[in-house]
């Protein structure tokens, strides 16, 4: 078992697709399968369940993923400490964020960081911001960008970088909300309003709290993953949605939607960096984290 095998295992655990992983890691599918089989033989248990259509981690595979991530982090820390050029940080740092965050914040963050640490490679993953804390907790990412939940999980550190309002949005040319619906939302006058909501996350929690406050049982047209998808579906006239203002500021569809000043407004939320507290002393994580403080 070597670090290359562990890195391939983690890549497959992230992708859950042999073909995609082999292409990204520049290895043949047969060689990848052979390495995974060798790991399973060494571990004495199946790490993946696979059939013709899907690949999933077994319970043992999830435990092995934690072991592999921790082992590689320890190896990188040891390599760093053994190098003579102690002032030059080298290695790989994984970062997770939404597509919106990637072009709203990453340029400024990474531009200064890469200038100070040119030998640190950034491995960027994008996806639903609601998964940010989870991916850090599962050790799938070193650092993630997302919205701070109302209750921060134990062991997770947060560093704010921006604040964003949550906005009700509707299509420009259809389904306009009336003045009464905007100023005095009630169960009766919102009964037939189709809504497009996030599947999970802070925005979903905030809108559900707002709906309960007004006694509204929403007519949910669709539940989607990702704020960009909400803007897209709203622009097509499918319903009313709720998204952060930063999404609207960067969306190419902003001229096809309208924002509503619903009373009372939804509480804004803080956007920032997440990392495990126990990892803040690791050289690469510390360099990234402390660079943002400055």
Protein backbone atom coordinates (compact mmCIF):
# COMPACT_ATOMS: atom_id res chain seq x y z
CA UNK A 1 0.00 0.00 0.00
CA UNK A 2 1.51 3.35 -1.05
CA UNK A 3 0.39 6.95 -1.27
CA UNK A 4 -0.45 6.59 -4.97
CA UNK A 5 -2.87 3.76 -4.21
CA UNK A 6 -4.50 5.77 -1.43
CA UNK A 7 -4.87 8.81 -3.70
CA UNK A 8 -6.51 6.67 -6.38
CA UNK A 9 -8.85 5.19 -3.79
CA UNK A 10 -9.88 8.67 -2.57
CA UNK A 11 -10.41 9.86 -6.14
CA UNK A 12 -12.70 6.89 -6.82
CA UNK A 13 -14.49 7.39 -3.49
CA UNK A 14 -15.17 10.97 -4.56
CA UNK A 15 -16.25 10.22 -8.16
CA UNK A 16 -17.85 6.79 -7.61
CA UNK A 17 -17.15 6.13 -11.29
CA UNK A 18 -14.26 3.96 -12.53
CA UNK A 19 -14.16 5.43 -16.03
CA UNK A 20 -14.16 9.07 -14.92
CA UNK A 21 -11.58 8.39 -12.22
CA UNK A 22 -9.24 6.58 -14.60
CA UNK A 23 -9.40 9.49 -17.05
CA UNK A 24 -8.80 12.14 -14.39
CA UNK A 25 -5.95 10.18 -12.79
CA UNK A 26 -4.35 9.17 -16.11
CA UNK A 27 -4.51 5.46 -15.43
CA UNK A 28 -6.18 2.66 -17.36
CA UNK A 29 -9.48 1.30 -15.97
CA UNK A 30 -7.96 -2.18 -15.65
CA UNK A 31 -5.00 -0.85 -13.65
CA UNK A 32 -7.34 1.14 -11.42
CA UNK A 33 -9.49 -1.95 -10.80
CA UNK A 34 -6.38 -3.98 -9.99
CA UNK A 35 -5.15 -1.41 -7.46
CA UNK A 36 -8.55 -1.22 -5.77
CA UNK A 37 -8.66 -5.02 -5.60
CA UNK A 38 -5.19 -5.03 -3.98
CA UNK A 39 -6.38 -2.51 -1.40
CA UNK A 40 -9.44 -4.62 -0.66
CA UNK A 41 -7.26 -7.70 -0.27
CA UNK A 42 -4.95 -5.81 2.11
CA UNK A 43 -7.90 -4.44 4.09
CA UNK A 44 -9.61 -7.82 4.16
CA UNK A 45 -12.99 -6.39 3.20
CA UNK A 46 -14.78 -5.02 0.12
CA UNK A 47 -14.43 -1.24 -0.09
CA UNK A 48 -16.87 -0.68 -2.96
CA UNK A 49 -20.09 -2.27 -4.16
CA UNK A 50 -20.25 -2.15 -7.94
CA UNK A 51 -22.54 -3.39 -10.67
CA UNK A 52 -23.08 -2.44 -14.30
CA UNK A 53 -24.71 0.87 -13.39
CA UNK A 54 -23.37 2.16 -10.10
CA UNK A 55 -20.48 2.24 -7.64
CA UNK A 56 -21.01 2.87 -3.91
CA UNK A 57 -18.80 2.81 -0.84
CA UNK A 58 -19.34 0.00 1.65
CA UNK A 59 -19.36 0.67 5.38
CA UNK A 60 -15.76 -0.56 5.44
CA UNK A 61 -15.03 1.69 2.48
CA UNK A 62 -16.21 4.75 4.41
CA UNK A 63 -13.93 3.85 7.31
CA UNK A 64 -11.06 3.27 4.88
CA UNK A 65 -11.72 6.67 3.28
CA UNK A 66 -11.16 8.34 6.66
CA UNK A 67 -8.00 6.28 7.18
CA UNK A 68 -6.66 7.09 3.70
CA UNK A 69 -7.29 10.82 4.07
CA UNK A 70 -5.68 10.93 7.51
CA UNK A 71 -2.70 8.86 6.35
CA UNK A 72 -2.02 11.10 3.36
CA UNK A 73 -2.31 14.23 5.50
CA UNK A 74 0.18 12.77 7.99
CA UNK A 75 2.51 11.79 5.13
CA UNK A 76 2.39 15.29 3.65
CA UNK A 77 3.07 16.81 7.06
CA UNK A 78 6.04 14.47 7.56
CA UNK A 79 7.44 15.25 4.10
CA UNK A 80 7.14 18.94 4.86
CA UNK A 81 8.97 18.60 8.17
CA UNK A 82 11.77 16.56 6.58
CA UNK A 83 12.47 19.02 3.82
CA UNK A 84 15.44 21.27 4.21
CA UNK A 85 13.60 24.23 2.68
CA UNK A 86 11.22 24.60 5.61
CA UNK A 87 10.04 28.00 4.44
CA UNK A 88 8.69 26.66 1.13
CA UNK A 89 5.34 24.96 1.48
CA UNK A 90 4.56 22.24 -1.04
CA UNK A 91 1.69 19.85 -1.47
CA UNK A 92 -1.97 19.69 -2.45
CA UNK A 93 -4.91 21.49 -0.86
CA UNK A 94 -8.47 20.51 -1.72
CA UNK A 95 -11.11 23.23 -1.80
CA UNK A 96 -14.89 22.93 -2.24
CA UNK A 97 -17.37 25.65 -3.16
CA UNK A 98 -20.38 26.43 -5.33
CA UNK A 99 -20.03 27.62 -8.91
CA UNK A 100 -21.16 31.08 -7.77
CA UNK A 101 -18.51 31.22 -5.04
CA UNK A 102 -15.87 30.12 -7.53
CA UNK A 103 -16.23 33.33 -9.50
CA UNK A 104 -17.42 35.59 -6.66
CA UNK A 105 -14.62 34.97 -4.17
CA UNK A 106 -11.98 32.58 -5.47
CA UNK A 107 -10.07 34.97 -7.71
CA UNK A 108 -9.21 37.36 -4.88
CA UNK A 109 -8.57 34.54 -2.41
CA UNK A 110 -6.41 32.39 -4.65
CA UNK A 111 -4.60 35.24 -6.39
CA UNK A 112 -2.92 36.40 -3.19
CA UNK A 113 -2.47 32.87 -1.82
CA UNK A 114 -0.80 31.56 -4.97
CA UNK A 115 1.49 34.57 -5.00
CA UNK A 116 2.73 33.69 -1.50
CA UNK A 117 2.72 29.90 -1.96
CA UNK A 118 3.32 29.04 -5.62
CA UNK A 119 4.25 25.41 -4.85
CA UNK A 120 0.91 24.51 -3.25
CA UNK A 121 -1.46 22.90 -5.76
CA UNK A 122 -5.15 23.69 -5.40
CA UNK A 123 -7.60 20.88 -6.15
CA UNK A 124 -10.98 22.56 -6.66
CA UNK A 125 -14.37 20.82 -6.49
CA UNK A 126 -17.63 22.63 -7.14
CA UNK A 127 -21.14 21.61 -6.11
CA UNK A 128 -24.10 22.37 -3.90
CA UNK A 129 -23.04 24.84 -1.15
CA UNK A 130 -25.33 23.00 1.27
CA UNK A 131 -22.73 20.20 1.23
CA UNK A 132 -19.82 22.43 2.30
CA UNK A 133 -19.75 21.55 6.01
CA UNK A 134 -20.48 17.88 5.34
CA UNK A 135 -17.57 17.51 2.92
CA UNK A 136 -15.16 19.04 5.46
CA UNK A 137 -16.50 16.82 8.25
CA UNK A 138 -16.07 13.72 6.07
CA UNK A 139 -12.46 14.75 5.30
CA UNK A 140 -13.27 14.87 1.60
CA UNK A 141 -12.03 18.47 1.48
CA UNK A 142 -9.42 20.44 3.38
CA UNK A 143 -11.39 23.70 3.19
CA UNK A 144 -14.86 24.58 1.91
CA UNK A 145 -16.73 27.80 1.19
CA UNK A 146 -20.38 28.03 2.17
CA UNK A 147 -23.03 29.70 4.32
CA UNK A 148 -22.64 29.47 8.08
CA UNK A 149 -25.44 27.34 9.54
CA UNK A 150 -27.43 28.66 12.49
CA UNK A 151 -25.65 26.09 14.66
CA UNK A 152 -22.04 25.36 13.77
CA UNK A 153 -21.16 21.66 14.29
CA UNK A 154 -18.66 20.84 17.01
CA UNK A 155 -15.09 20.66 15.76
CA UNK A 156 -15.73 22.81 12.68
CA UNK A 157 -14.09 26.25 12.41
CA UNK A 158 -15.65 29.10 10.42
CA UNK A 159 -14.14 32.30 9.09
CA UNK A 160 -16.53 34.85 7.49
CA UNK A 161 -15.60 36.49 4.19
CA UNK A 162 -18.91 38.07 3.07
CA UNK A 163 -22.58 38.55 3.93
CA UNK A 164 -25.47 38.10 1.53
CA UNK A 165 -29.18 38.87 1.66
CA UNK A 166 -31.66 36.16 0.71
CA UNK A 167 -34.00 37.32 -2.03
CA UNK A 168 -37.39 36.17 -3.27
CA UNK A 169 -37.25 36.08 -7.07
CA UNK A 170 -39.78 35.56 -9.86
CA UNK A 171 -39.74 35.49 -13.66
CA UNK A 172 -39.70 38.81 -15.44
CA UNK A 173 -42.64 38.22 -17.73
CA UNK A 174 -44.98 35.90 -15.84
CA UNK A 175 -46.34 34.92 -12.44
CA UNK A 176 -46.08 38.41 -10.91
CA UNK A 177 -46.85 38.59 -7.21
CA UNK A 178 -49.50 41.10 -6.26
CA UNK A 179 -48.85 43.98 -3.91
CA UNK A 180 -50.94 42.19 -1.27
CA UNK A 181 -48.88 39.01 -1.63
CA UNK A 182 -45.69 41.02 -1.23
CA UNK A 183 -46.76 43.21 1.69
CA UNK A 184 -49.11 40.85 3.54
CA UNK A 185 -48.28 37.21 2.72
CA UNK A 186 -50.92 34.84 4.08
CA UNK A 187 -51.90 31.20 3.66
CA UNK A 188 -54.80 32.28 1.49
CA UNK A 189 -53.09 34.63 -0.95
CA UNK A 190 -49.97 32.38 -1.30
CA UNK A 191 -51.98 29.17 -1.70
CA UNK A 192 -51.53 29.00 -5.49
CA UNK A 193 -47.99 30.42 -5.72
CA UNK A 194 -45.69 27.74 -7.24
CA UNK A 195 -42.34 27.66 -5.46
CA UNK A 196 -38.92 26.34 -6.47
CA UNK A 197 -36.85 25.57 -3.38
CA UNK A 198 -33.45 24.20 -2.49
CA UNK A 199 -33.46 20.56 -1.47
CA UNK A 200 -31.53 21.41 1.68
CA UNK A 201 -29.26 23.97 3.26
CA UNK A 202 -29.57 27.28 5.04
CA UNK A 203 -31.77 28.94 2.40
CA UNK A 204 -34.26 26.05 2.73
CA UNK A 205 -34.21 26.36 6.52
CA UNK A 206 -34.82 30.12 6.36
CA UNK A 207 -37.70 29.92 3.86
CA UNK A 208 -39.38 27.09 5.80
CA UNK A 209 -39.20 29.22 8.95
CA UNK A 210 -40.71 32.17 7.05
CA UNK A 211 -43.52 30.00 5.63
CA UNK A 212 -44.41 28.60 9.08
CA UNK A 213 -44.46 32.10 10.52
CA UNK A 214 -47.13 33.07 8.00
CA UNK A 215 -49.01 29.79 8.19
CA UNK A 216 -48.32 29.10 4.50
CA UNK A 217 -48.35 25.55 3.16
CA UNK A 218 -46.23 26.03 0.03
CA UNK A 219 -47.19 24.68 -3.35
CA UNK A 220 -43.78 23.28 -4.24
CA UNK A 221 -43.27 22.99 -7.99
CA UNK A 222 -39.69 21.69 -7.75
CA UNK A 223 -36.88 21.04 -5.30
CA UNK A 224 -33.42 21.43 -6.80
CA UNK A 225 -29.78 21.22 -5.82
CA UNK A 226 -27.85 24.47 -6.28
CA UNK A 227 -28.89 28.13 -6.40
CA UNK A 228 -27.96 28.53 -10.06
CA UNK A 229 -30.57 25.90 -10.96
CA UNK A 230 -33.23 27.85 -9.01
CA UNK A 231 -32.46 31.03 -10.98
CA UNK A 232 -32.66 29.09 -14.24
CA UNK A 233 -36.04 27.52 -13.46
CA UNK A 234 -37.47 30.80 -12.17
CA UNK A 235 -36.34 32.65 -15.32
CA UNK A 236 -38.28 30.11 -17.38
CA UNK A 237 -41.48 30.98 -15.53
CA UNK A 238 -41.90 27.85 -13.40
CA UNK A 239 -42.32 29.57 -10.06
CA UNK A 240 -41.04 31.80 -7.26
CA UNK A 241 -37.67 31.01 -5.69
CA UNK A 242 -35.30 32.12 -2.95
CA UNK A 243 -31.58 32.64 -3.60
CA UNK A 244 -28.69 34.65 -2.11
CA UNK A 245 -28.09 38.09 -3.58
CA UNK A 246 -24.53 37.11 -4.56
CA UNK A 247 -26.01 34.52 -6.93
CA UNK A 248 -28.07 37.21 -8.66
CA UNK A 249 -25.08 39.57 -8.84
CA UNK A 250 -23.15 37.01 -10.89
CA UNK A 251 -25.94 35.24 -12.79
CA UNK A 252 -26.12 35.59 -16.61
CA UNK A 253 -29.92 35.27 -16.19
CA UNK A 254 -30.25 38.25 -13.84
CA UNK A 255 -31.98 40.32 -16.54
CA UNK A 256 -34.70 37.65 -16.85
CA UNK A 257 -35.86 37.66 -13.25
CA UNK A 258 -37.27 40.18 -10.80
CA UNK A 259 -36.62 40.51 -7.07
CA UNK A 260 -39.39 41.02 -4.54
CA UNK A 261 -39.10 42.97 -1.30
CA UNK A 262 -41.22 40.56 0.71
CA UNK A 263 -42.19 41.63 4.21
CA UNK A 264 -40.66 40.74 6.57
CA UNK A 265 -37.43 39.97 4.70
CA UNK A 266 -35.51 36.76 5.19
CA UNK A 267 -32.48 36.98 7.47
CA UNK A 268 -29.18 37.36 5.58
CA UNK A 269 -26.41 34.86 6.07
CA UNK A 270 -22.66 34.87 6.46
CA UNK A 271 -20.51 33.20 3.81
CA UNK A 272 -17.05 32.01 4.68
CA UNK A 273 -14.48 29.27 5.03
CA UNK A 274 -14.96 25.97 6.84
CA UNK A 275 -12.22 23.65 8.11
CA UNK A 276 -11.85 21.13 10.90
CA UNK A 277 -10.44 22.81 14.00
CA UNK A 278 -7.99 19.95 14.56
CA UNK A 279 -6.45 20.60 11.14
CA UNK A 280 -5.81 24.34 11.50
CA UNK A 281 -2.26 23.64 12.70
CA UNK A 282 -1.38 21.62 9.60
CA UNK A 283 1.04 23.67 7.46
CA UNK A 284 -1.02 23.86 4.26
CA UNK A 285 -4.38 24.43 5.93
CA UNK A 286 -2.86 26.97 8.31
CA UNK A 287 -1.23 28.90 5.45
CA UNK A 288 -4.52 29.18 3.58
CA UNK A 289 -6.60 29.94 6.67
CA UNK A 290 -4.29 32.55 8.15
CA UNK A 291 -3.74 34.22 4.79
CA UNK A 292 -7.45 35.08 4.75
CA UNK A 293 -7.32 36.53 8.26
CA UNK A 294 -4.68 38.97 7.11
